Amino acid sequence: MTTSTDSLAAEQQAADRLLTALQTRAACAPVRDLIGPVDLPAAYRVQERLTAGRLADGARIVGRKIGLTSKAVQDQMGVDQPDFGVLFDDMAYASGDEVPMGRLLQPKAEAEVAFVLKEDLADGPLDIAQIRAAVDYGVAAIEVCDSRIDGWDIAFADTVADNASSGVYVLGAHRKTLDEFAPVEVGMRMLINGEEVSAGDGAACLGDPLNAVAWLAKSARDFGEPLRAGQVILSGALGPMRPIESGDEVRVEISGLGTVVAKFSEGKHS
């Protein structure tokens, strides 16, 4: 049986492997050989080590992302729950921005509803009523998922450890309060270079994007880092993700929230 000391050493090895991949922009082998394929606590401890490394380098946490909100993807991964990762300030782009492909390895785009909080979600029942009261507004968003693990060869522990396979995100400019739109009712189209490549709706995200935020609020509090006012929450995909390449333009249209657009350029990330 693996000792606690051995486990901690393996988790540090996993974190070092992923940090090196992030810093060198060179994909690495999966980390499940070190921490097991479905060891949730170990995977989040590795993610915490990665987060500590980013913060030590001067990055700032601005929110969270929710992944694996689709039942089909959960079944594929052999899990029965979503996962979450951390959003840092250097991941954020606005609609119309050019995103340098040099900062990404194997990017895939998906369409989401993003929420910005006006209240902390640290105390109380964290039920849907409390979630609704804490949301300042929602916007259309493109999340660019990415994996530091070569060929997207991931099990559940790999994606959790790798900050939930996060890349960058792009927020639309059209802000709507929850009195002005119902997240569960939105419809979505995603186009790459003018061709529709994905479609879906709010119900595809854990039945309602607000359900995803409620799950995240409870999970984040359980992990000791509750959601805070001002943070951005990417609530999960409304439809299938699609790979993107240099030169692509991704356009997402979400009913009630408008459009968000990003172009992916050859440029390098400084």
C-alpha atoms as a PDB file:
ATOM      1  CA  MET A   1       0.000   0.000   0.000  1.00  0.00           C
ATOM      2  CA  THR A   2       1.277   3.458  -0.892  1.00  0.00           C
ATOM      3  CA  THR A   3       2.363   5.495   2.097  1.00  0.00           C
ATOM      4  CA  SER A   4       1.265   9.053   2.729  1.00  0.00           C
ATOM      5  CA  THR A   5       4.787  10.272   2.027  1.00  0.00           C
ATOM      6  CA  ASP A   6       4.850   8.383  -1.260  1.00  0.00           C
ATOM      7  CA  SER A   7       1.460   9.816  -2.201  1.00  0.00           C
ATOM      8  CA  LEU A   8       2.596  13.384  -1.551  1.00  0.00           C
ATOM      9  CA  ALA A   9       5.742  12.804  -3.583  1.00  0.00           C
ATOM     10  CA  ALA A  10       3.652  11.431  -6.472  1.00  0.00           C
ATOM     11  CA  GLU A  11       1.333  14.435  -6.331  1.00  0.00           C
ATOM     12  CA  GLN A  12       4.307  16.788  -6.452  1.00  0.00           C
ATOM     13  CA  GLN A  13       5.673  14.871  -9.448  1.00  0.00           C
ATOM     14  CA  ALA A  14       2.323  15.207 -11.190  1.00  0.00           C
ATOM     15  CA  ALA A  15       2.198  18.944 -10.497  1.00  0.00           C
ATOM     16  CA  ASP A  16       5.778  19.399 -11.716  1.00  0.00           C
ATOM     17  CA  ARG A  17       4.980  17.507 -14.924  1.00  0.00           C
ATOM     18  CA  LEU A  18       1.969  19.716 -15.660  1.00  0.00           C
ATOM     19  CA  LEU A  19       3.739  22.951 -14.685  1.00  0.00           C
ATOM     20  CA  THR A  20       6.627  22.114 -16.998  1.00  0.00           C
ATOM     21  CA  ALA A  21       4.177  21.446 -19.840  1.00  0.00           C
ATOM     22  CA  LEU A  22       2.456  24.759 -19.151  1.00  0.00           C
ATOM     23  CA  GLN A  23       5.712  26.722 -19.042  1.00  0.00           C
ATOM     24  CA  THR A  24       7.365  25.066 -22.045  1.00  0.00           C
ATOM     25  CA  ARG A  25       4.194  24.766 -24.177  1.00  0.00           C
ATOM     26  CA  ALA A  26       5.045  21.125 -24.731  1.00  0.00           C
ATOM     27  CA  ALA A  27       2.429  18.470 -23.999  1.00  0.00           C
ATOM     28  CA  CYS A  28       3.242  15.830 -21.412  1.00  0.00           C
ATOM     29  CA  ALA A  29       2.249  12.272 -20.524  1.00  0.00           C
ATOM     30  CA  PRO A  30      -0.882  11.713 -18.421  1.00  0.00           C
ATOM     31  CA  VAL A  31      -0.498  11.993 -14.661  1.00  0.00           C
ATOM     32  CA  ARG A  32      -2.805   9.103 -13.788  1.00  0.00           C
ATOM     33  CA  ASP A  33       0.253   6.864 -13.616  1.00  0.00           C
ATOM     34  CA  LEU A  34       1.216   8.898 -10.539  1.00  0.00           C
ATOM     35  CA  ILE A  35      -2.114   9.566  -8.824  1.00  0.00           C
ATOM     36  CA  GLY A  36      -4.511   6.979 -10.257  1.00  0.00           C
ATOM     37  CA  PRO A  37      -7.284   7.571 -12.824  1.00  0.00           C
ATOM     38  CA  VAL A  38     -10.149   8.538 -10.494  1.00  0.00           C
ATOM     39  CA  ASP A  39      -8.614   9.687  -7.180  1.00  0.00           C
ATOM     40  CA  LEU A  40     -10.536  12.937  -6.786  1.00  0.00           C
ATOM     41  CA  PRO A  41      -8.849  14.292  -3.624  1.00  0.00           C
ATOM     42  CA  ALA A  42      -5.379  13.622  -5.041  1.00  0.00           C
ATOM     43  CA  ALA A  43      -6.281  15.259  -8.363  1.00  0.00           C
ATOM     44  CA  TYR A  44      -7.526  18.421  -6.652  1.00  0.00           C
ATOM     45  CA  ARG A  45      -4.416  18.534  -4.479  1.00  0.00           C
ATOM     46  CA  VAL A  46      -2.345  18.497  -7.668  1.00  0.00           C
ATOM     47  CA  GLN A  47      -4.541  21.292  -9.057  1.00  0.00           C
ATOM     48  CA  GLU A  48      -3.935  23.280  -5.861  1.00  0.00           C
ATOM     49  CA  ARG A  49      -0.177  22.889  -6.344  1.00  0.00           C
ATOM     50  CA  LEU A  50      -0.533  24.197  -9.891  1.00  0.00           C
ATOM     51  CA  THR A  51      -2.594  27.127  -8.628  1.00  0.00           C
ATOM     52  CA  ALA A  52       0.032  27.933  -6.010  1.00  0.00           C
ATOM     53  CA  GLY A  53       2.660  27.926  -8.745  1.00  0.00           C
ATOM     54  CA  ARG A  54       0.656  30.313 -10.891  1.00  0.00           C
ATOM     55  CA  LEU A  55       0.037  32.650  -7.956  1.00  0.00           C
ATOM     56  CA  ALA A  56       3.731  32.610  -7.084  1.00  0.00           C
ATOM     57  CA  ASP A  57       4.428  33.729 -10.648  1.00  0.00           C
ATOM     58  CA  GLY A  58       2.117  36.735 -10.191  1.00  0.00           C
ATOM     59  CA  ALA A  59      -1.170  35.453 -11.620  1.00  0.00           C
ATOM     60  CA  ARG A  60      -4.420  36.478  -9.948  1.00  0.00           C
ATOM     61  CA  ILE A  61      -7.560  34.351  -9.510  1.00  0.00           C
ATOM     62  CA  VAL A  62     -10.623  35.955 -11.142  1.00  0.00           C
ATOM     63  CA  GLY A  63     -13.122  33.089 -11.092  1.00  0.00           C
ATOM     64  CA  ARG A  64     -13.842  29.427 -11.668  1.00  0.00           C
ATOM     65  CA  LYS A  65     -14.878  27.137 -14.492  1.00  0.00           C
ATOM     66  CA  ILE A  66     -17.141  24.123 -14.362  1.00  0.00           C
ATOM     67  CA  GLY A  67     -16.432  21.134 -16.584  1.00  0.00           C
ATOM     68  CA  LEU A  68     -17.982  17.749 -17.326  1.00  0.00           C
ATOM     69  CA  THR A  69     -21.534  19.097 -17.058  1.00  0.00           C
ATOM     70  CA  SER A  70     -22.740  16.757 -19.808  1.00  0.00           C
ATOM     71  CA  LYS A  71     -24.038  13.320 -18.758  1.00  0.00           C
ATOM     72  CA  ALA A  72     -22.545  11.825 -21.925  1.00  0.00           C
ATOM     73  CA  VAL A  73     -19.081  13.160 -21.097  1.00  0.00           C
ATOM     74  CA  GLN A  74     -19.394  12.022 -17.469  1.00  0.00           C
ATOM     75  CA  ASP A  75     -20.253   8.521 -18.709  1.00  0.00           C
ATOM     76  CA  GLN A  76     -17.260   8.625 -21.027  1.00  0.00           C
ATOM     77  CA  MET A  77     -14.991   9.557 -18.115  1.00  0.00           C
ATOM     78  CA  GLY A  78     -16.573   7.038 -15.755  1.00  0.00           C
ATOM     79  CA  VAL A  79     -17.659   9.668 -13.224  1.00  0.00           C
ATOM     80  CA  ASP A  80     -20.957  10.911 -11.835  1.00  0.00           C
ATOM     81  CA  GLN A  81     -20.172  14.571 -11.174  1.00  0.00           C
ATOM     82  CA  PRO A  82     -18.700  17.651 -12.816  1.00  0.00           C
ATOM     83  CA  ASP A  83     -15.292  19.097 -12.021  1.00  0.00           C
ATOM     84  CA  PHE A  84     -13.974  22.623 -11.579  1.00  0.00           C
ATOM     85  CA  GLY A  85     -10.880  24.659 -12.266  1.00  0.00           C
ATOM     86  CA  VAL A  86      -9.484  28.111 -11.567  1.00  0.00           C
ATOM     87  CA  LEU A  87      -9.674  31.122 -13.895  1.00  0.00           C
ATOM     88  CA  PHE A  88      -6.648  33.435 -13.815  1.00  0.00           C
ATOM     89  CA  ASP A  89      -6.504  37.038 -14.980  1.00  0.00           C
ATOM     90  CA  ASP A  90      -4.310  36.247 -17.993  1.00  0.00           C
ATOM     91  CA  MET A  91      -6.922  33.828 -19.396  1.00  0.00           C
ATOM     92  CA  ALA A  92      -9.490  36.568 -20.063  1.00  0.00           C
ATOM     93  CA  TYR A  93     -10.316  38.064 -23.453  1.00  0.00           C
ATOM     94  CA  ALA A  94     -13.139  40.290 -24.691  1.00  0.00           C
ATOM     95  CA  SER A  95     -15.313  39.692 -27.725  1.00  0.00           C
ATOM     96  CA  GLY A  96     -13.456  40.695 -30.883  1.00  0.00           C
ATOM     97  CA  ASP A  97     -10.011  40.121 -29.408  1.00  0.00           C
ATOM     98  CA  GLU A  98      -7.366  38.073 -31.155  1.00  0.00           C
ATOM     99  CA  VAL A  99      -6.202  35.122 -29.081  1.00  0.00           C
ATOM    100  CA  PRO A 100      -2.580  34.071 -29.726  1.00  0.00           C
ATOM    101  CA  MET A 101      -2.383  30.381 -30.568  1.00  0.00           C
ATOM    102  CA  GLY A 102       1.138  30.341 -29.164  1.00  0.00           C
ATOM    103  CA  ARG A 103      -0.279  30.191 -25.641  1.00  0.00           C
ATOM    104  CA  LEU A 104      -2.361  27.097 -26.421  1.00  0.00           C
ATOM    105  CA  LEU A 105      -1.446  23.491 -27.169  1.00  0.00           C
ATOM    106  CA  GLN A 106      -4.508  21.541 -28.393  1.00  0.00           C
ATOM    107  CA  PRO A 107      -7.413  23.971 -28.101  1.00  0.00           C
ATOM    108  CA  LYS A 108     -11.090  23.143 -28.382  1.00  0.00           C
ATOM    109  CA  ALA A 109     -13.865  25.739 -28.226  1.00  0.00           C
ATOM    110  CA  GLU A 110     -17.232  25.453 -26.543  1.00  0.00           C
ATOM    111  CA  ALA A 111     -20.117  27.843 -25.953  1.00  0.00           C
ATOM    112  CA  GLU A 112     -21.262  28.722 -22.454  1.00  0.00           C
ATOM    113  CA  VAL A 113     -23.191  31.152 -20.307  1.00  0.00           C
ATOM    114  CA  ALA A 114     -20.814  33.032 -18.015  1.00  0.00           C
ATOM    115  CA  PHE A 115     -22.003  34.647 -14.810  1.00  0.00           C
ATOM    116  CA  VAL A 116     -20.439  37.449 -12.783  1.00  0.00           C
ATOM    117  CA  LEU A 117     -21.211  37.452  -9.071  1.00  0.00           C
ATOM    118  CA  LYS A 118     -22.216  40.466  -6.996  1.00  0.00           C
ATOM    119  CA  GLU A 119     -22.244  38.582  -3.672  1.00  0.00           C
ATOM    120  CA  ASP A 120     -20.063  35.966  -2.010  1.00  0.00           C
ATOM    121  CA  LEU A 121     -21.329  32.392  -1.985  1.00  0.00           C
ATOM    122  CA  ALA A 122     -19.646  31.334   1.237  1.00  0.00           C
ATOM    123  CA  ASP A 123     -22.482  30.882   3.745  1.00  0.00           C
ATOM    124  CA  GLY A 124     -26.061  29.674   3.793  1.00  0.00           C
ATOM    125  CA  PRO A 125     -27.795  26.836   1.929  1.00  0.00           C
ATOM    126  CA  LEU A 126     -26.307  27.752  -1.466  1.00  0.00           C
ATOM    127  CA  ASP A 127     -29.603  26.798  -3.098  1.00  0.00           C
ATOM    128  CA  ILE A 128     -30.917  28.134  -6.402  1.00  0.00           C
ATOM    129  CA  ALA A 129     -32.621  31.113  -4.725  1.00  0.00           C
ATOM    130  CA  GLN A 130     -29.325  32.148  -3.135  1.00  0.00           C
ATOM    131  CA  ILE A 131     -27.458  31.588  -6.407  1.00  0.00           C
ATOM    132  CA  ARG A 132     -29.939  33.782  -8.304  1.00  0.00           C
ATOM    133  CA  ALA A 133     -29.596  36.554  -5.722  1.00  0.00           C
ATOM    134  CA  ALA A 134     -25.793  36.420  -5.958  1.00  0.00           C
ATOM    135  CA  VAL A 135     -25.580  36.707  -9.755  1.00  0.00           C
ATOM    136  CA  ASP A 136     -24.977  40.215 -11.053  1.00  0.00           C
ATOM    137  CA  TYR A 137     -25.393  39.387 -14.746  1.00  0.00           C
ATOM    138  CA  GLY A 138     -24.780  36.787 -17.420  1.00  0.00           C
ATOM    139  CA  VAL A 139     -23.012  37.048 -20.777  1.00  0.00           C
ATOM    140  CA  ALA A 140     -22.381  34.809 -23.758  1.00  0.00           C
ATOM    141  CA  ALA A 141     -18.956  33.194 -23.555  1.00  0.00           C
ATOM    142  CA  ILE A 142     -16.501  31.085 -25.483  1.00  0.00           C
ATOM    143  CA  GLU A 143     -14.419  28.782 -23.359  1.00  0.00           C
ATOM    144  CA  VAL A 144     -11.300  27.467 -25.030  1.00  0.00           C
ATOM    145  CA  CYS A 145     -10.489  24.212 -23.294  1.00  0.00           C
ATOM    146  CA  ASP A 146      -6.927  22.980 -23.592  1.00  0.00           C
ATOM    147  CA  SER A 147      -4.934  20.069 -22.258  1.00  0.00           C
ATOM    148  CA  ARG A 148      -1.329  19.909 -21.251  1.00  0.00           C
ATOM    149  CA  ILE A 149      -1.615  16.137 -21.727  1.00  0.00           C
ATOM    150  CA  ASP A 150      -0.555  14.868 -25.123  1.00  0.00           C
ATOM    151  CA  GLY A 151      -3.369  13.925 -27.479  1.00  0.00           C
ATOM    152  CA  TRP A 152      -6.094  14.682 -24.915  1.00  0.00           C
ATOM    153  CA  ASP A 153      -5.354  11.229 -23.474  1.00  0.00           C
ATOM    154  CA  ILE A 154      -7.167  11.986 -20.240  1.00  0.00           C
ATOM    155  CA  ALA A 155      -8.965  10.190 -17.443  1.00  0.00           C
ATOM    156  CA  PHE A 156     -10.936  12.064 -14.776  1.00  0.00           C
ATOM    157  CA  ALA A 157      -7.921  12.600 -12.524  1.00  0.00           C
ATOM    158  CA  ASP A 158      -5.849  13.914 -15.440  1.00  0.00           C
ATOM    159  CA  THR A 159      -8.312  16.653 -16.356  1.00  0.00           C
ATOM    160  CA  VAL A 160      -8.958  17.678 -12.728  1.00  0.00           C
ATOM    161  CA  ALA A 161      -5.238  17.858 -11.965  1.00  0.00           C
ATOM    162  CA  ASP A 162      -4.680  19.877 -15.151  1.00  0.00           C
ATOM    163  CA  ASN A 163      -6.927  22.686 -13.873  1.00  0.00           C
ATOM    164  CA  ALA A 164      -9.987  21.079 -15.478  1.00  0.00           C
ATOM    165  CA  SER A 165      -8.345  21.282 -18.930  1.00  0.00           C
ATOM    166  CA  SER A 166      -8.580  25.071 -18.921  1.00  0.00           C
ATOM    167  CA  GLY A 167      -7.191  27.329 -21.615  1.00  0.00           C
ATOM    168  CA  VAL A 168      -8.648  30.813 -22.074  1.00  0.00           C
ATOM    169  CA  TYR A 169     -12.101  32.365 -22.210  1.00  0.00           C
ATOM    170  CA  VAL A 170     -13.797  35.157 -24.152  1.00  0.00           C
ATOM    171  CA  LEU A 171     -16.707  37.159 -22.747  1.00  0.00           C
ATOM    172  CA  GLY A 172     -19.428  38.904 -24.744  1.00  0.00           C
ATOM    173  CA  ALA A 173     -20.299  42.535 -24.120  1.00  0.00           C
ATOM    174  CA  HIS A 174     -24.084  42.151 -23.829  1.00  0.00           C
ATOM    175  CA  ARG A 175     -24.882  41.853 -20.110  1.00  0.00           C
ATOM    176  CA  LYS A 176     -28.264  40.593 -18.916  1.00  0.00           C
ATOM    177  CA  THR A 177     -29.593  40.144 -15.394  1.00  0.00           C
ATOM    178  CA  LEU A 178     -31.529  37.039 -14.421  1.00  0.00           C
ATOM    179  CA  ASP A 179     -34.692  39.147 -14.546  1.00  0.00           C
ATOM    180  CA  GLU A 180     -33.953  39.678 -18.239  1.00  0.00           C
ATOM    181  CA  PHE A 181     -33.156  36.127 -19.353  1.00  0.00           C
ATOM    182  CA  ALA A 182     -33.600  32.551 -18.169  1.00  0.00           C
ATOM    183  CA  PRO A 183     -30.367  30.553 -18.558  1.00  0.00           C
ATOM    184  CA  VAL A 184     -32.223  27.241 -18.923  1.00  0.00           C
ATOM    185  CA  GLU A 185     -34.167  28.584 -21.907  1.00  0.00           C
ATOM    186  CA  VAL A 186     -31.315  29.872 -24.050  1.00  0.00           C
ATOM    187  CA  GLY A 187     -30.484  28.355 -27.421  1.00  0.00           C
ATOM    188  CA  MET A 188     -26.924  28.274 -28.777  1.00  0.00           C
ATOM    189  CA  ARG A 189     -25.168  28.108 -32.145  1.00  0.00           C
ATOM    190  CA  MET A 190     -21.386  27.999 -32.531  1.00  0.00           C
ATOM    191  CA  LEU A 191     -19.794  28.717 -35.879  1.00  0.00           C
ATOM    192  CA  ILE A 192     -16.182  28.333 -36.975  1.00  0.00           C
ATOM    193  CA  ASN A 193     -15.298  30.386 -40.057  1.00  0.00           C
ATOM    194  CA  GLY A 194     -19.001  30.849 -40.737  1.00  0.00           C
ATOM    195  CA  GLU A 195     -19.936  27.163 -40.579  1.00  0.00           C
ATOM    196  CA  GLU A 196     -22.167  25.895 -37.784  1.00  0.00           C
ATOM    197  CA  VAL A 197     -20.256  23.241 -35.857  1.00  0.00           C
ATOM    198  CA  SER A 198     -22.197  22.955 -32.589  1.00  0.00           C
ATOM    199  CA  ALA A 199     -25.667  23.678 -31.250  1.00  0.00           C
ATOM    200  CA  GLY A 200     -27.393  23.221 -27.939  1.00  0.00           C
ATOM    201  CA  ASP A 201     -29.375  24.837 -25.156  1.00  0.00           C
ATOM    202  CA  GLY A 202     -29.352  25.753 -21.498  1.00  0.00           C
ATOM    203  CA  ALA A 203     -30.819  22.433 -20.404  1.00  0.00           C
ATOM    204  CA  ALA A 204     -27.673  20.669 -21.720  1.00  0.00           C
ATOM    205  CA  CYS A 205     -25.731  22.131 -18.794  1.00  0.00           C
ATOM    206  CA  LEU A 206     -26.754  20.004 -15.782  1.00  0.00           C
ATOM    207  CA  GLY A 207     -30.391  20.698 -16.651  1.00  0.00           C
ATOM    208  CA  ASP A 208     -29.875  24.444 -16.060  1.00  0.00           C
ATOM    209  CA  PRO A 209     -26.648  26.509 -15.902  1.00  0.00           C
ATOM    210  CA  LEU A 210     -27.773  27.746 -12.468  1.00  0.00           C
ATOM    211  CA  ASN A 211     -27.700  24.132 -11.228  1.00  0.00           C
ATOM    212  CA  ALA A 212     -24.054  24.032 -12.290  1.00  0.00           C
ATOM    213  CA  VAL A 213     -23.283  27.206 -10.349  1.00  0.00           C
ATOM    214  CA  ALA A 214     -25.021  25.809  -7.261  1.00  0.00           C
ATOM    215  CA  TRP A 215     -22.943  22.616  -7.525  1.00  0.00           C
ATOM    216  CA  LEU A 216     -19.784  24.701  -7.880  1.00  0.00           C
ATOM    217  CA  ALA A 217     -20.652  26.972  -4.939  1.00  0.00           C
ATOM    218  CA  LYS A 218     -21.032  23.970  -2.635  1.00  0.00           C
ATOM    219  CA  SER A 219     -17.945  22.208  -3.969  1.00  0.00           C
ATOM    220  CA  ALA A 220     -15.767  25.325  -3.751  1.00  0.00           C
ATOM    221  CA  ARG A 221     -16.882  25.917  -0.154  1.00  0.00           C
ATOM    222  CA  ASP A 222     -16.172  22.269   0.698  1.00  0.00           C
ATOM    223  CA  PHE A 223     -12.646  22.725  -0.684  1.00  0.00           C
ATOM    224  CA  GLY A 224     -12.153  25.819   1.470  1.00  0.00           C
ATOM    225  CA  GLU A 225     -12.158  28.432  -1.307  1.00  0.00           C
ATOM    226  CA  PRO A 226     -15.708  29.789  -1.624  1.00  0.00           C
ATOM    227  CA  LEU A 227     -16.883  31.808  -4.621  1.00  0.00           C
ATOM    228  CA  ARG A 228     -16.531  35.558  -4.134  1.00  0.00           C
ATOM    229  CA  ALA A 229     -18.232  38.717  -5.375  1.00  0.00           C
ATOM    230  CA  GLY A 230     -16.747  39.947  -8.657  1.00  0.00           C
ATOM    231  CA  GLN A 231     -15.683  36.497  -9.829  1.00  0.00           C
ATOM    232  CA  VAL A 232     -16.471  35.138 -13.283  1.00  0.00           C
ATOM    233  CA  ILE A 233     -18.109  31.703 -13.396  1.00  0.00           C
ATOM    234  CA  LEU A 234     -18.033  29.676 -16.612  1.00  0.00           C
ATOM    235  CA  SER A 235     -21.018  27.418 -16.064  1.00  0.00           C
ATOM    236  CA  GLY A 236     -20.345  24.626 -18.573  1.00  0.00           C
ATOM    237  CA  ALA A 237     -20.895  23.747 -22.201  1.00  0.00           C
ATOM    238  CA  LEU A 238     -24.258  24.186 -23.939  1.00  0.00           C
ATOM    239  CA  GLY A 239     -23.207  21.826 -26.730  1.00  0.00           C
ATOM    240  CA  PRO A 240     -20.285  19.789 -28.061  1.00  0.00           C
ATOM    241  CA  MET A 241     -16.787  21.302 -28.116  1.00  0.00           C
ATOM    242  CA  ARG A 242     -14.888  21.564 -31.387  1.00  0.00           C
ATOM    243  CA  PRO A 243     -11.143  21.780 -32.150  1.00  0.00           C
ATOM    244  CA  ILE A 244      -9.778  25.089 -33.437  1.00  0.00           C
ATOM    245  CA  GLU A 245      -6.721  25.966 -35.480  1.00  0.00           C
ATOM    246  CA  SER A 246      -4.673  29.070 -36.148  1.00  0.00           C
ATOM    247  CA  GLY A 247      -6.591  31.540 -38.295  1.00  0.00           C
ATOM    248  CA  ASP A 248     -10.021  30.316 -37.196  1.00  0.00           C
ATOM    249  CA  GLU A 249     -12.782  32.709 -36.187  1.00  0.00           C
ATOM    250  CA  VAL A 250     -15.190  31.354 -33.586  1.00  0.00           C
ATOM    251  CA  ARG A 251     -18.606  32.961 -33.277  1.00  0.00           C
ATOM    252  CA  VAL A 252     -21.126  31.989 -30.622  1.00  0.00           C
ATOM    253  CA  GLU A 253     -24.743  33.132 -30.701  1.00  0.00           C
ATOM    254  CA  ILE A 254     -26.830  32.629 -27.559  1.00  0.00           C
ATOM    255  CA  SER A 255     -30.472  33.688 -27.599  1.00  0.00           C
ATOM    256  CA  GLY A 256     -31.103  36.484 -25.136  1.00  0.00           C
ATOM    257  CA  LEU A 257     -27.395  37.148 -24.649  1.00  0.00           C
ATOM    258  CA  GLY A 258     -26.228  38.034 -28.146  1.00  0.00           C
ATOM    259  CA  THR A 259     -22.959  37.156 -29.803  1.00  0.00           C
ATOM    260  CA  VAL A 260     -19.337  36.662 -28.769  1.00  0.00           C
ATOM    261  CA  VAL A 261     -16.521  36.376 -31.311  1.00  0.00           C
ATOM    262  CA  ALA A 262     -12.834  35.501 -31.134  1.00  0.00           C
ATOM    263  CA  LYS A 263     -10.135  35.079 -33.765  1.00  0.00           C
ATOM    264  CA  PHE A 264      -7.187  32.801 -33.167  1.00  0.00           C
ATOM    265  CA  SER A 265      -3.957  34.213 -34.539  1.00  0.00           C
ATOM    266  CA  GLU A 266      -0.419  32.911 -35.084  1.00  0.00           C
ATOM    267  CA  GLY A 267       0.880  35.241 -32.382  1.00  0.00           C
ATOM    268  CA  LYS A 268       2.860  34.059 -29.392  1.00  0.00           C
ATOM    269  CA  HIS A 269       1.918  34.563 -25.781  1.00  0.00           C
ATOM    270  CA  SER A 270       4.377  36.719 -23.901  1.00  0.00           C
END
